[in-house]
Amino acid sequence: MVTVVSNYCQLSQTKLSQTFAEKFTVTEELLQSLKKTALSGDEESIELLHNIALGYDEFGKKAEDILYHIG
């Protein structure tokens, strides 16, 4: 799964693995990469944004805003 996601998000394998390490860490870089690929219609990126949007934090709100503007 990590390899597939890293291809879609245009992040290095190492960077993406760090993101999904012990604690899921969302960064502005990750959100922007997901936004870019989601805008091109990539369903995997859209699904990841939905999962991030479930969080009750700053990045959850940003992911929700990205999804709002995509749809």
N, C-alpha and C. Protein backbone atom coordinates (compact mmCIF):
# COMPACT_ATOMS: atom_id res chain seq x y z
N MET A 1 0.83 -1.20 0.00
CA MET A 1 0.00 0.00 0.00
C MET A 1 0.87 1.25 0.00
N VAL A 2 1.95 1.24 0.78
CA VAL A 2 2.79 2.43 0.87
C VAL A 2 3.38 2.79 -0.48
N THR A 3 3.81 1.79 -1.25
CA THR A 3 4.39 2.06 -2.57
C THR A 3 3.36 2.68 -3.48
N VAL A 4 2.15 2.14 -3.48
CA VAL A 4 1.08 2.68 -4.32
C VAL A 4 0.78 4.12 -3.94
N VAL A 5 0.64 4.38 -2.66
CA VAL A 5 0.34 5.73 -2.19
C VAL A 5 1.48 6.68 -2.52
N SER A 6 2.72 6.25 -2.35
CA SER A 6 3.84 7.14 -2.63
C SER A 6 3.88 7.52 -4.09
N ASN A 7 3.50 6.61 -4.97
CA ASN A 7 3.44 6.94 -6.39
C ASN A 7 2.38 8.00 -6.66
N TYR A 8 1.23 7.88 -6.03
CA TYR A 8 0.16 8.84 -6.24
C TYR A 8 0.47 10.20 -5.64
N CYS A 9 1.08 10.20 -4.48
CA CYS A 9 1.33 11.45 -3.76
C CYS A 9 2.62 12.13 -4.20
N GLN A 10 3.40 11.47 -5.00
CA GLN A 10 4.67 11.98 -5.46
C GLN A 10 5.61 12.31 -4.30
N LEU A 11 5.56 11.47 -3.28
CA LEU A 11 6.47 11.58 -2.14
C LEU A 11 7.43 10.41 -2.20
N SER A 12 8.60 10.59 -1.63
CA SER A 12 9.56 9.49 -1.59
C SER A 12 9.01 8.38 -0.69
N GLN A 13 9.47 7.17 -0.95
CA GLN A 13 9.05 6.02 -0.15
C GLN A 13 9.38 6.25 1.33
N THR A 14 10.55 6.80 1.60
CA THR A 14 10.98 7.06 2.98
C THR A 14 10.07 8.08 3.65
N LYS A 15 9.80 9.17 2.96
CA LYS A 15 8.96 10.24 3.52
C LYS A 15 7.56 9.71 3.82
N LEU A 16 7.00 8.94 2.91
CA LEU A 16 5.66 8.41 3.13
C LEU A 16 5.66 7.38 4.25
N SER A 17 6.69 6.56 4.33
CA SER A 17 6.79 5.57 5.41
C SER A 17 6.85 6.27 6.76
N GLN A 18 7.57 7.38 6.83
CA GLN A 18 7.64 8.16 8.07
C GLN A 18 6.26 8.70 8.43
N THR A 19 5.50 9.08 7.43
CA THR A 19 4.16 9.62 7.66
C THR A 19 3.27 8.58 8.32
N PHE A 20 3.39 7.32 7.87
CA PHE A 20 2.54 6.27 8.40
C PHE A 20 3.22 5.47 9.51
N ALA A 21 4.28 6.01 10.09
CA ALA A 21 4.99 5.33 11.17
C ALA A 21 4.10 5.24 12.40
N GLU A 22 4.68 5.01 13.54
CA GLU A 22 3.94 4.78 14.78
C GLU A 22 2.73 5.69 14.92
N LYS A 23 2.92 6.95 14.74
CA LYS A 23 1.82 7.89 14.83
C LYS A 23 1.62 8.52 13.46
N PHE A 24 0.41 8.51 12.98
CA PHE A 24 0.11 9.08 11.67
C PHE A 24 0.32 10.59 11.75
N THR A 25 1.25 11.08 10.98
CA THR A 25 1.58 12.50 10.99
C THR A 25 1.23 13.11 9.65
N VAL A 26 0.36 14.08 9.68
CA VAL A 26 -0.02 14.80 8.46
C VAL A 26 0.78 16.09 8.42
N THR A 27 1.31 16.39 7.26
CA THR A 27 2.05 17.63 7.07
C THR A 27 1.41 18.44 5.97
N GLU A 28 1.78 19.68 5.91
CA GLU A 28 1.29 20.55 4.84
C GLU A 28 1.75 20.02 3.48
N GLU A 29 2.97 19.49 3.44
CA GLU A 29 3.51 18.92 2.20
C GLU A 29 2.65 17.74 1.72
N LEU A 30 2.27 16.88 2.65
CA LEU A 30 1.42 15.74 2.30
C LEU A 30 0.08 16.21 1.77
N LEU A 31 -0.54 17.17 2.46
CA LEU A 31 -1.84 17.68 2.01
C LEU A 31 -1.75 18.28 0.61
N GLN A 32 -0.71 19.03 0.35
CA GLN A 32 -0.57 19.66 -0.97
C GLN A 32 -0.33 18.61 -2.06
N SER A 33 0.42 17.57 -1.75
CA SER A 33 0.63 16.49 -2.72
C SER A 33 -0.67 15.75 -3.00
N LEU A 34 -1.42 15.48 -1.94
CA LEU A 34 -2.71 14.82 -2.12
C LEU A 34 -3.68 15.70 -2.89
N LYS A 35 -3.66 16.99 -2.61
CA LYS A 35 -4.53 17.93 -3.32
C LYS A 35 -4.23 17.91 -4.81
N LYS A 36 -2.96 17.96 -5.14
CA LYS A 36 -2.54 17.99 -6.54
C LYS A 36 -3.03 16.76 -7.29
N THR A 37 -2.83 15.59 -6.70
CA THR A 37 -3.24 14.36 -7.38
C THR A 37 -4.76 14.18 -7.34
N ALA A 38 -5.40 14.63 -6.27
CA ALA A 38 -6.86 14.53 -6.19
C ALA A 38 -7.53 15.42 -7.23
N LEU A 39 -6.96 16.58 -7.48
CA LEU A 39 -7.52 17.48 -8.49
C LEU A 39 -7.46 16.86 -9.89
N SER A 40 -6.54 15.94 -10.09
CA SER A 40 -6.45 15.27 -11.39
C SER A 40 -7.38 14.04 -11.44
N GLY A 41 -8.16 13.85 -10.37
CA GLY A 41 -9.15 12.78 -10.34
C GLY A 41 -8.69 11.48 -9.72
N ASP A 42 -7.56 11.49 -9.05
CA ASP A 42 -7.04 10.27 -8.45
C ASP A 42 -7.88 9.86 -7.24
N GLU A 43 -8.53 8.71 -7.33
CA GLU A 43 -9.43 8.25 -6.27
C GLU A 43 -8.71 7.88 -4.98
N GLU A 44 -7.49 7.35 -5.08
CA GLU A 44 -6.73 6.99 -3.88
C GLU A 44 -6.42 8.24 -3.04
N SER A 45 -6.04 9.31 -3.71
CA SER A 45 -5.73 10.55 -3.00
C SER A 45 -6.98 11.13 -2.36
N ILE A 46 -8.09 11.05 -3.07
CA ILE A 46 -9.36 11.55 -2.53
C ILE A 46 -9.75 10.75 -1.30
N GLU A 47 -9.55 9.44 -1.35
CA GLU A 47 -9.87 8.60 -0.19
C GLU A 47 -8.98 8.95 1.00
N LEU A 48 -7.70 9.15 0.76
CA LEU A 48 -6.80 9.55 1.85
C LEU A 48 -7.21 10.89 2.44
N LEU A 49 -7.61 11.83 1.59
CA LEU A 49 -8.08 13.13 2.10
C LEU A 49 -9.33 12.96 2.95
N HIS A 50 -10.22 12.06 2.55
CA HIS A 50 -11.42 11.78 3.36
C HIS A 50 -11.01 11.26 4.73
N ASN A 51 -10.04 10.35 4.76
CA ASN A 51 -9.59 9.80 6.04
C ASN A 51 -8.97 10.87 6.92
N ILE A 52 -8.17 11.73 6.34
CA ILE A 52 -7.55 12.82 7.10
C ILE A 52 -8.61 13.79 7.60
N ALA A 53 -9.63 14.04 6.77
CA ALA A 53 -10.69 14.99 7.13
C ALA A 53 -11.49 14.51 8.34
N LEU A 54 -11.43 13.24 8.65
CA LEU A 54 -12.14 12.73 9.83
C LEU A 54 -11.50 13.19 11.14
N GLY A 55 -10.27 13.66 11.06
CA GLY A 55 -9.58 14.12 12.26
C GLY A 55 -10.11 15.47 12.72
N TYR A 56 -10.18 15.64 14.02
CA TYR A 56 -10.66 16.90 14.59
C TYR A 56 -9.47 17.79 14.93
N ASP A 57 -8.73 18.16 13.91
CA ASP A 57 -7.58 19.01 14.12
C ASP A 57 -7.42 19.94 12.92
N GLU A 58 -6.36 20.70 12.93
CA GLU A 58 -6.08 21.67 11.87
C GLU A 58 -6.01 21.01 10.50
N PHE A 59 -5.35 19.86 10.42
CA PHE A 59 -5.19 19.19 9.13
C PHE A 59 -6.49 18.53 8.67
N GLY A 60 -7.30 18.08 9.61
CA GLY A 60 -8.61 17.54 9.25
C GLY A 60 -9.47 18.60 8.59
N LYS A 61 -9.43 19.80 9.14
CA LYS A 61 -10.18 20.92 8.56
C LYS A 61 -9.63 21.29 7.19
N LYS A 62 -8.30 21.32 7.05
CA LYS A 62 -7.70 21.65 5.75
C LYS A 62 -8.06 20.59 4.71
N ALA A 63 -8.03 19.33 5.09
CA ALA A 63 -8.39 18.25 4.16
C ALA A 63 -9.86 18.38 3.75
N GLU A 64 -10.71 18.73 4.70
CA GLU A 64 -12.12 18.94 4.40
C GLU A 64 -12.30 20.08 3.40
N ASP A 65 -11.57 21.16 3.60
CA ASP A 65 -11.63 22.30 2.67
C ASP A 65 -11.16 21.91 1.27
N ILE A 66 -10.10 21.12 1.19
CA ILE A 66 -9.60 20.65 -0.11
C ILE A 66 -10.68 19.83 -0.81
N LEU A 67 -11.29 18.91 -0.07
CA LEU A 67 -12.34 18.07 -0.66
C LEU A 67 -13.53 18.90 -1.11
N TYR A 68 -13.87 19.92 -0.36
CA TYR A 68 -14.98 20.80 -0.73
C TYR A 68 -14.71 21.47 -2.07
N HIS A 69 -13.50 21.92 -2.27
CA HIS A 69 -13.16 22.62 -3.51
C HIS A 69 -12.96 21.68 -4.69
N ILE A 70 -12.68 20.42 -4.41
CA ILE A 70 -12.54 19.44 -5.49
C ILE A 70 -13.91 19.06 -6.03
N GLY A 71 -14.84 18.86 -5.11
CA GLY A 71 -16.17 18.37 -5.50
C GLY A 71 -17.05 19.47 -5.86
